[in-house]
Protein backbone atom coordinates (compact mmCIF):
# COMPACT_ATOMS: atom_id res chain seq x y z
CA MET A 1 -0.52 0.18 -0.21
CA SER A 2 1.68 2.99 -1.30
CA THR A 3 0.79 6.67 0.21
CA THR A 4 1.69 9.78 -1.94
CA GLN A 5 1.69 13.38 -1.35
CA THR A 6 -0.34 15.51 -3.46
CA GLY A 7 1.53 19.37 -1.37
CA VAL A 8 -1.94 20.41 -0.63
CA ASP A 9 -2.27 21.53 2.83
CA LEU A 10 -5.13 21.64 5.11
CA LYS A 11 -6.48 25.45 5.77
CA ARG A 12 -6.63 26.58 9.15
CA THR A 13 -9.73 28.20 8.73
CA ILE A 14 -13.30 27.78 9.26
CA GLY A 15 -14.74 31.44 8.11
CA VAL A 16 -17.92 33.15 9.05
CA PHE A 17 -20.57 30.60 7.25
CA GLY A 18 -18.74 28.01 8.72
CA LEU A 19 -18.75 29.17 11.95
CA ALA A 20 -22.63 30.17 11.91
CA CYS A 21 -23.71 27.10 10.78
CA ALA A 22 -21.74 25.29 13.27
CA VAL A 23 -23.63 27.16 16.31
CA VAL A 24 -26.92 26.53 14.70
CA ASN A 25 -25.82 22.62 14.44
CA ILE A 26 -25.01 22.85 17.81
CA THR A 27 -27.82 25.12 19.24
CA VAL A 28 -30.70 23.53 17.55
CA GLY A 29 -31.83 20.04 17.93
CA THR A 30 -34.47 18.17 18.57
CA GLY A 31 -34.84 19.93 22.24
CA ILE A 32 -36.25 22.79 20.10
CA PHE A 33 -39.27 21.22 19.23
CA VAL A 34 -40.44 19.84 22.89
CA LEU A 35 -38.93 22.81 25.32
CA PRO A 36 -40.65 25.72 24.14
CA ALA A 37 -44.03 24.15 24.78
CA LEU A 38 -42.79 22.94 28.28
CA VAL A 39 -42.02 26.70 29.08
CA ALA A 40 -44.78 27.77 27.70
CA GLU A 41 -46.93 25.53 29.97
CA HIS A 42 -45.34 26.57 33.47
CA LEU A 43 -44.80 30.22 32.26
CA GLY A 44 -47.75 31.43 30.15
CA ALA A 45 -47.14 34.58 28.24
CA ALA A 46 -43.83 35.20 29.84
CA ALA A 47 -41.67 32.88 28.13
CA ILE A 48 -41.44 34.62 25.22
CA ILE A 49 -39.84 37.35 27.45
CA CYS A 50 -37.84 34.76 28.92
CA PHE A 51 -36.58 33.37 25.57
CA PHE A 52 -35.39 36.72 24.09
CA ILE A 53 -33.65 37.14 27.86
CA CYS A 54 -31.93 33.59 27.47
CA GLY A 55 -31.20 34.75 23.71
CA LEU A 56 -29.74 37.48 24.60
CA LEU A 57 -27.67 35.60 27.69
CA ILE A 58 -26.27 33.03 25.29
CA PHE A 59 -25.46 35.83 22.78
CA LEU A 60 -23.13 37.53 24.99
CA ILE A 61 -21.38 34.59 26.21
CA GLY A 62 -21.16 33.70 22.16
CA LEU A 63 -19.45 36.79 22.13
CA CYS A 64 -17.05 36.20 25.08
CA PHE A 65 -15.93 32.98 23.51
CA ALA A 66 -15.29 35.01 20.36
CA GLU A 67 -13.04 37.06 21.97
CA VAL A 68 -11.05 34.21 23.99
CA GLY A 69 -11.29 32.11 21.01
CA SER A 70 -9.11 34.74 18.77
CA LYS A 71 -6.50 35.50 21.72
CA VAL A 72 -5.88 31.75 22.40
CA THR A 73 -4.70 29.94 19.51
CA GLY A 74 -4.27 26.72 20.25
CA SER A 75 -7.03 24.01 19.76
CA GLY A 76 -9.08 22.30 22.97
CA GLY A 77 -12.04 24.49 23.85
CA THR A 78 -12.88 25.41 26.98
CA TYR A 79 -9.69 23.31 28.51
CA THR A 80 -7.33 25.42 26.84
CA TYR A 81 -8.90 28.23 27.15
CA ILE A 82 -8.81 27.82 31.44
CA GLU A 83 -5.78 25.85 31.23
CA THR A 84 -3.70 29.10 29.14
CA ALA A 85 -5.72 31.53 32.11
CA PHE A 86 -5.63 30.02 35.01
CA GLY A 87 -3.09 27.01 34.62
CA PRO A 88 -2.85 23.04 34.15
CA PHE A 89 -4.47 22.04 36.90
CA ALA A 90 -7.46 24.28 36.77
CA GLY A 91 -7.87 22.61 33.60
CA PHE A 92 -7.94 19.41 34.45
CA LEU A 93 -10.81 20.08 37.03
CA ALA A 94 -12.36 21.38 34.29
CA ASN A 95 -12.36 19.26 32.01
CA ASN A 96 -13.07 16.47 34.55
CA ILE A 97 -16.03 18.55 35.68
CA PHE A 98 -17.47 18.70 32.31
CA TRP A 99 -17.15 14.67 31.67
CA PHE A 100 -18.82 13.67 34.72
CA GLY A 101 -21.53 16.22 34.35
CA SER A 102 -21.97 15.40 30.69
CA GLY A 103 -22.09 11.43 32.18
CA ILE A 104 -24.77 12.89 34.83
CA LEU A 105 -26.63 14.21 32.52
CA GLN A 106 -26.96 11.28 29.93
CA MET A 107 -28.56 9.42 32.87
CA LEU A 108 -31.37 11.20 33.50
CA PRO A 109 -34.50 10.35 31.92
């Protein structure tokens, strides 16, 4: 089995459209069809205001990640950001807490 080099390197860029598509893909899941009905059932007419407030908060969090992502060039997401800011032990703790929390959420009905 032979391997050939074509001399073509992959670009390490996503672009605005690719990033927007990735964010929409992550944000929009099957929950978008179920959760609005549950929220409207519990909150009534205030559900619309709640959705706008939550959307604003998510937008601000996205701006924070965009700012940090432009400063930290390494890959690794939140772990890399925390490791750069607070050191390897804090990054280790944050990564394991995220992993443990994801496991707990998977066990919930």
